[in-house]
């Protein structure tokens, strides 16, 4: 009985079935590998999009900061100019008053 079992194990039919099963397992494994690679690439693409978006946001933020800095510099410059004019008027006024006293 035991000998019959061993003989059946290597019968042409069993070898063909075993080979089909083995090939099927290999194909399933290949499909899983392809799916994993595809998932990995999608993750990479998503990460790249996020990085690109972050860079664009940083650039936008930097431009805003530059604009704010330029605006502040303009305001400061205008204020300094007004102060200079005011001080010049004060100085002229003081000089005129001194001349009157003389």
N, C-alpha and C. Protein backbone atom coordinates (compact mmCIF):
# COMPACT_ATOMS: atom_id res chain seq x y z
N UNK A 1 0.82 -1.21 0.00
CA UNK A 1 0.00 0.00 0.00
C UNK A 1 0.86 1.26 0.00
N UNK A 2 1.88 1.22 0.82
CA UNK A 2 2.80 2.35 0.89
C UNK A 2 3.51 2.55 -0.44
N UNK A 3 3.88 1.44 -1.10
CA UNK A 3 4.56 1.51 -2.39
C UNK A 3 3.66 2.13 -3.44
N UNK A 4 2.37 1.82 -3.42
CA UNK A 4 1.41 2.39 -4.38
C UNK A 4 1.35 3.91 -4.25
N UNK A 5 1.38 4.39 -3.01
CA UNK A 5 1.31 5.82 -2.74
C UNK A 5 2.51 6.52 -3.36
N UNK A 6 3.69 5.94 -3.18
CA UNK A 6 4.92 6.53 -3.73
C UNK A 6 4.89 6.54 -5.25
N UNK A 7 4.34 5.48 -5.84
CA UNK A 7 4.27 5.41 -7.30
C UNK A 7 3.33 6.50 -7.84
N UNK A 8 2.19 6.68 -7.15
CA UNK A 8 1.22 7.70 -7.58
C UNK A 8 1.82 9.11 -7.50
N UNK A 9 2.66 9.32 -6.52
CA UNK A 9 3.27 10.63 -6.30
C UNK A 9 4.04 11.08 -7.55
N UNK A 10 4.63 10.12 -8.25
CA UNK A 10 5.45 10.45 -9.43
C UNK A 10 4.78 10.06 -10.74
N UNK A 11 3.47 9.87 -10.69
CA UNK A 11 2.75 9.55 -11.92
C UNK A 11 2.77 10.78 -12.82
N UNK A 12 2.71 10.60 -14.15
CA UNK A 12 2.71 11.75 -15.06
C UNK A 12 1.63 12.77 -14.71
N UNK A 13 0.45 12.28 -14.34
CA UNK A 13 -0.65 13.19 -14.00
C UNK A 13 -0.29 14.06 -12.80
N UNK A 14 0.27 13.44 -11.75
CA UNK A 14 0.65 14.19 -10.55
C UNK A 14 1.76 15.19 -10.84
N UNK A 15 2.68 14.80 -11.69
CA UNK A 15 3.79 15.69 -12.04
C UNK A 15 3.25 16.92 -12.78
N UNK A 16 2.32 16.68 -13.72
CA UNK A 16 1.71 17.79 -14.47
C UNK A 16 0.96 18.72 -13.52
N UNK A 17 0.15 18.14 -12.62
CA UNK A 17 -0.62 18.95 -11.66
C UNK A 17 0.31 19.75 -10.75
N UNK A 18 1.33 19.07 -10.29
CA UNK A 18 2.30 19.71 -9.39
C UNK A 18 3.00 20.85 -10.11
N UNK A 19 3.35 20.64 -11.37
CA UNK A 19 4.02 21.67 -12.16
C UNK A 19 3.09 22.86 -12.38
N UNK A 20 1.80 22.59 -12.69
CA UNK A 20 0.82 23.68 -12.88
C UNK A 20 0.70 24.51 -11.59
N UNK A 21 0.62 23.81 -10.47
CA UNK A 21 0.47 24.48 -9.19
C UNK A 21 1.70 25.35 -8.90
N UNK A 22 2.87 24.79 -9.19
CA UNK A 22 4.12 25.52 -8.95
C UNK A 22 4.18 26.77 -9.83
N UNK A 23 3.84 26.62 -11.12
CA UNK A 23 3.84 27.77 -12.04
C UNK A 23 2.82 28.83 -11.60
N UNK A 24 1.68 28.35 -11.14
CA UNK A 24 0.64 29.25 -10.66
C UNK A 24 1.14 30.05 -9.45
N UNK A 25 1.81 29.36 -8.52
CA UNK A 25 2.37 30.05 -7.34
C UNK A 25 3.38 31.11 -7.75
N UNK A 26 4.21 30.76 -8.73
CA UNK A 26 5.21 31.72 -9.21
C UNK A 26 4.51 32.95 -9.81
N UNK A 27 3.47 32.71 -10.61
CA UNK A 27 2.75 33.82 -11.26
C UNK A 27 2.08 34.71 -10.21
N UNK A 28 1.46 34.07 -9.21
CA UNK A 28 0.83 34.86 -8.13
C UNK A 28 1.89 35.72 -7.45
N UNK A 29 3.04 35.14 -7.21
CA UNK A 29 4.12 35.87 -6.56
C UNK A 29 4.58 37.04 -7.44
N UNK A 30 4.68 36.81 -8.74
CA UNK A 30 5.08 37.89 -9.67
C UNK A 30 4.06 39.02 -9.66
N UNK A 31 2.77 38.64 -9.68
CA UNK A 31 1.70 39.66 -9.66
C UNK A 31 1.79 40.49 -8.38
N UNK A 32 2.01 39.80 -7.25
CA UNK A 32 2.13 40.53 -5.98
C UNK A 32 3.32 41.48 -6.01
N UNK A 33 4.45 41.01 -6.58
CA UNK A 33 5.64 41.88 -6.70
C UNK A 33 5.33 43.10 -7.55
N UNK A 34 4.62 42.88 -8.67
CA UNK A 34 4.28 43.99 -9.55
C UNK A 34 3.36 44.99 -8.84
N UNK A 35 2.39 44.46 -8.09
CA UNK A 35 1.47 45.34 -7.36
C UNK A 35 2.22 46.14 -6.29
N UNK A 36 3.14 45.47 -5.59
CA UNK A 36 3.92 46.17 -4.56
C UNK A 36 4.79 47.25 -5.19
N UNK A 37 5.39 46.94 -6.34
CA UNK A 37 6.22 47.93 -7.02
C UNK A 37 5.36 49.11 -7.46
N UNK A 38 4.16 48.82 -7.96
CA UNK A 38 3.25 49.87 -8.40
C UNK A 38 2.84 50.74 -7.22
N UNK A 39 2.51 50.11 -6.08
CA UNK A 39 2.15 50.86 -4.87
C UNK A 39 3.31 51.75 -4.44
N UNK A 40 4.52 51.18 -4.49
CA UNK A 40 5.71 51.94 -4.10
C UNK A 40 5.89 53.15 -4.99
N UNK A 41 5.66 52.97 -6.30
CA UNK A 41 5.83 54.09 -7.23
C UNK A 41 4.76 55.15 -6.98
N UNK A 42 3.53 54.70 -6.70
CA UNK A 42 2.45 55.66 -6.40
C UNK A 42 2.79 56.47 -5.15
N UNK A 43 3.33 55.78 -4.12
CA UNK A 43 3.74 56.49 -2.90
C UNK A 43 4.82 57.52 -3.23
N UNK A 44 5.77 57.10 -4.06
CA UNK A 44 6.86 57.99 -4.46
C UNK A 44 6.31 59.20 -5.21
N UNK A 45 5.37 58.95 -6.14
CA UNK A 45 4.77 60.05 -6.91
C UNK A 45 4.04 61.02 -5.99
N UNK A 46 3.28 60.46 -5.04
CA UNK A 46 2.53 61.29 -4.09
C UNK A 46 3.48 62.13 -3.25
N UNK A 47 4.56 61.50 -2.80
CA UNK A 47 5.57 62.20 -2.00
C UNK A 47 6.20 63.33 -2.82
N UNK A 48 6.47 63.06 -4.10
CA UNK A 48 7.06 64.08 -4.98
C UNK A 48 6.11 65.26 -5.14
N UNK A 49 4.81 64.97 -5.33
CA UNK A 49 3.82 66.04 -5.47
C UNK A 49 3.78 66.89 -4.20
N UNK A 50 3.82 66.21 -3.05
CA UNK A 50 3.79 66.93 -1.77
C UNK A 50 5.02 67.82 -1.64
N UNK A 51 6.19 67.27 -1.99
CA UNK A 51 7.42 68.07 -1.92
C UNK A 51 7.33 69.28 -2.84
N UNK A 52 6.84 69.06 -4.05
CA UNK A 52 6.72 70.15 -5.02
C UNK A 52 5.78 71.23 -4.47
N UNK A 53 4.68 70.79 -3.89
CA UNK A 53 3.70 71.72 -3.31
C UNK A 53 4.34 72.51 -2.16
N UNK A 54 5.11 71.81 -1.32
CA UNK A 54 5.79 72.48 -0.20
C UNK A 54 6.76 73.53 -0.70
N UNK A 55 7.50 73.18 -1.76
CA UNK A 55 8.47 74.13 -2.34
C UNK A 55 7.74 75.36 -2.88
N UNK A 56 6.63 75.12 -3.59
CA UNK A 56 5.85 76.24 -4.13
C UNK A 56 5.32 77.13 -3.01
N UNK A 57 4.85 76.49 -1.93
CA UNK A 57 4.34 77.27 -0.79
C UNK A 57 5.47 78.08 -0.15
N UNK A 58 6.65 77.45 -0.02
CA UNK A 58 7.80 78.17 0.55
C UNK A 58 8.18 79.36 -0.32
N UNK A 59 8.20 79.14 -1.65
CA UNK A 59 8.54 80.23 -2.56
C UNK A 59 7.53 81.37 -2.44
N UNK A 60 6.26 80.99 -2.36
CA UNK A 60 5.20 82.00 -2.22
C UNK A 60 5.37 82.78 -0.92
N UNK A 61 5.67 82.04 0.14
CA UNK A 61 5.87 82.66 1.45
C UNK A 61 7.09 83.59 1.41
N UNK A 62 8.17 83.12 0.76
CA UNK A 62 9.37 83.96 0.64
C UNK A 62 9.08 85.24 -0.14
N UNK A 63 8.29 85.11 -1.22
CA UNK A 63 7.94 86.29 -2.01
C UNK A 63 7.11 87.27 -1.20
N UNK A 64 6.19 86.72 -0.40
CA UNK A 64 5.38 87.59 0.47
C UNK A 64 6.28 88.33 1.45
N UNK A 65 7.23 87.59 2.03
CA UNK A 65 8.14 88.23 2.99
C UNK A 65 8.97 89.32 2.31
N UNK A 66 9.43 89.04 1.08
CA UNK A 66 10.20 90.06 0.34
C UNK A 66 9.34 91.29 0.11
N UNK A 67 8.07 91.06 -0.32
CA UNK A 67 7.17 92.19 -0.57
C UNK A 67 6.93 92.99 0.70
N UNK A 68 6.72 92.28 1.82
CA UNK A 68 6.50 92.96 3.10
C UNK A 68 7.73 93.77 3.48
N UNK A 69 8.91 93.18 3.29
CA UNK A 69 10.16 93.87 3.63
C UNK A 69 10.32 95.12 2.76
N UNK A 70 10.04 94.96 1.45
CA UNK A 70 10.15 96.11 0.55
C UNK A 70 9.18 97.22 0.95
N UNK A 71 7.95 96.81 1.31
CA UNK A 71 6.95 97.80 1.72
C UNK A 71 7.42 98.53 2.99
N UNK A 72 7.96 97.76 3.94
CA UNK A 72 8.44 98.38 5.18
C UNK A 72 9.60 99.33 4.91
N UNK A 73 10.49 98.92 4.00
CA UNK A 73 11.62 99.79 3.66
C UNK A 73 11.14 101.09 3.02
N UNK A 74 10.14 100.97 2.17
CA UNK A 74 9.58 102.17 1.51
C UNK A 74 8.95 103.10 2.55
N UNK A 75 8.17 102.51 3.46
CA UNK A 75 7.52 103.31 4.51
C UNK A 75 8.58 103.99 5.37
N UNK A 76 9.60 103.23 5.75
CA UNK A 76 10.68 103.79 6.59
C UNK A 76 11.39 104.92 5.86
N UNK A 77 11.68 104.68 4.59
CA UNK A 77 12.36 105.71 3.79
C UNK A 77 11.51 106.97 3.70
N UNK A 78 10.20 106.79 3.44
CA UNK A 78 9.29 107.95 3.36
C UNK A 78 9.23 108.68 4.70
N UNK A 79 9.16 107.92 5.77
CA UNK A 79 9.10 108.54 7.11
C UNK A 79 10.39 109.31 7.39
N UNK A 80 11.52 108.72 7.01
CA UNK A 80 12.80 109.40 7.24
C UNK A 80 12.86 110.69 6.43
N UNK A 81 12.35 110.61 5.21
CA UNK A 81 12.34 111.80 4.35
C UNK A 81 11.48 112.91 4.98
N UNK A 82 10.30 112.52 5.48
CA UNK A 82 9.42 113.49 6.13
C UNK A 82 10.09 114.09 7.37
N UNK A 83 10.78 113.21 8.12
CA UNK A 83 11.49 113.69 9.32
C UNK A 83 12.57 114.70 8.93
N UNK A 84 13.31 114.36 7.87
CA UNK A 84 14.37 115.27 7.40
C UNK A 84 13.78 116.63 7.03
N UNK A 85 12.65 116.63 6.31
CA UNK A 85 12.00 117.88 5.91
C UNK A 85 11.55 118.67 7.14
N UNK A 86 10.98 117.93 8.09
CA UNK A 86 10.50 118.59 9.32
C UNK A 86 11.67 119.21 10.08
N UNK A 87 12.77 118.45 10.18
CA UNK A 87 13.94 118.96 10.91
C UNK A 87 14.52 120.18 10.18
N UNK A 88 14.51 120.12 8.85
CA UNK A 88 15.03 121.25 8.06
C UNK A 88 14.19 122.50 8.31
N UNK A 89 12.85 122.34 8.31
CA UNK A 89 11.97 123.47 8.59
C UNK A 89 12.23 124.03 9.99
N UNK A 90 12.35 123.11 10.96
CA UNK A 90 12.63 123.53 12.35
C UNK A 90 13.93 124.32 12.40
N UNK A 91 14.93 123.81 11.72
CA UNK A 91 16.25 124.45 11.73
C UNK A 91 16.17 125.84 11.09
N UNK A 92 15.46 125.92 9.95
CA UNK A 92 15.29 127.21 9.28
C UNK A 92 14.54 128.20 10.18
N UNK A 93 13.51 127.67 10.83
CA UNK A 93 12.71 128.51 11.73
C UNK A 93 13.58 129.05 12.86
N UNK A 94 14.40 128.16 13.45
CA UNK A 94 15.29 128.56 14.55
C UNK A 94 16.29 129.61 14.07
N UNK A 95 16.81 129.40 12.85
CA UNK A 95 17.78 130.36 12.31
C UNK A 95 17.14 131.73 12.11
N UNK A 96 15.90 131.74 11.61
CA UNK A 96 15.18 133.01 11.39
C UNK A 96 14.94 133.72 12.72
N UNK A 97 14.57 132.94 13.74
CA UNK A 97 14.31 133.54 15.06
C UNK A 97 15.59 134.12 15.63
N UNK A 98 16.69 133.42 15.45
CA UNK A 98 17.98 133.93 15.96
C UNK A 98 18.36 135.23 15.25
N UNK A 99 18.09 135.28 13.94
CA UNK A 99 18.42 136.49 13.18
C UNK A 99 17.56 137.68 13.66
N UNK A 100 16.32 137.39 14.01
CA UNK A 100 15.44 138.45 14.49
C UNK A 100 15.96 139.03 15.79
N UNK A 101 16.49 138.17 16.67
CA UNK A 101 16.98 138.64 17.97
C UNK A 101 18.24 139.45 17.82
N UNK A 102 18.99 139.21 16.80
CA UNK A 102 20.26 139.93 16.65
C UNK A 102 20.07 141.30 16.28
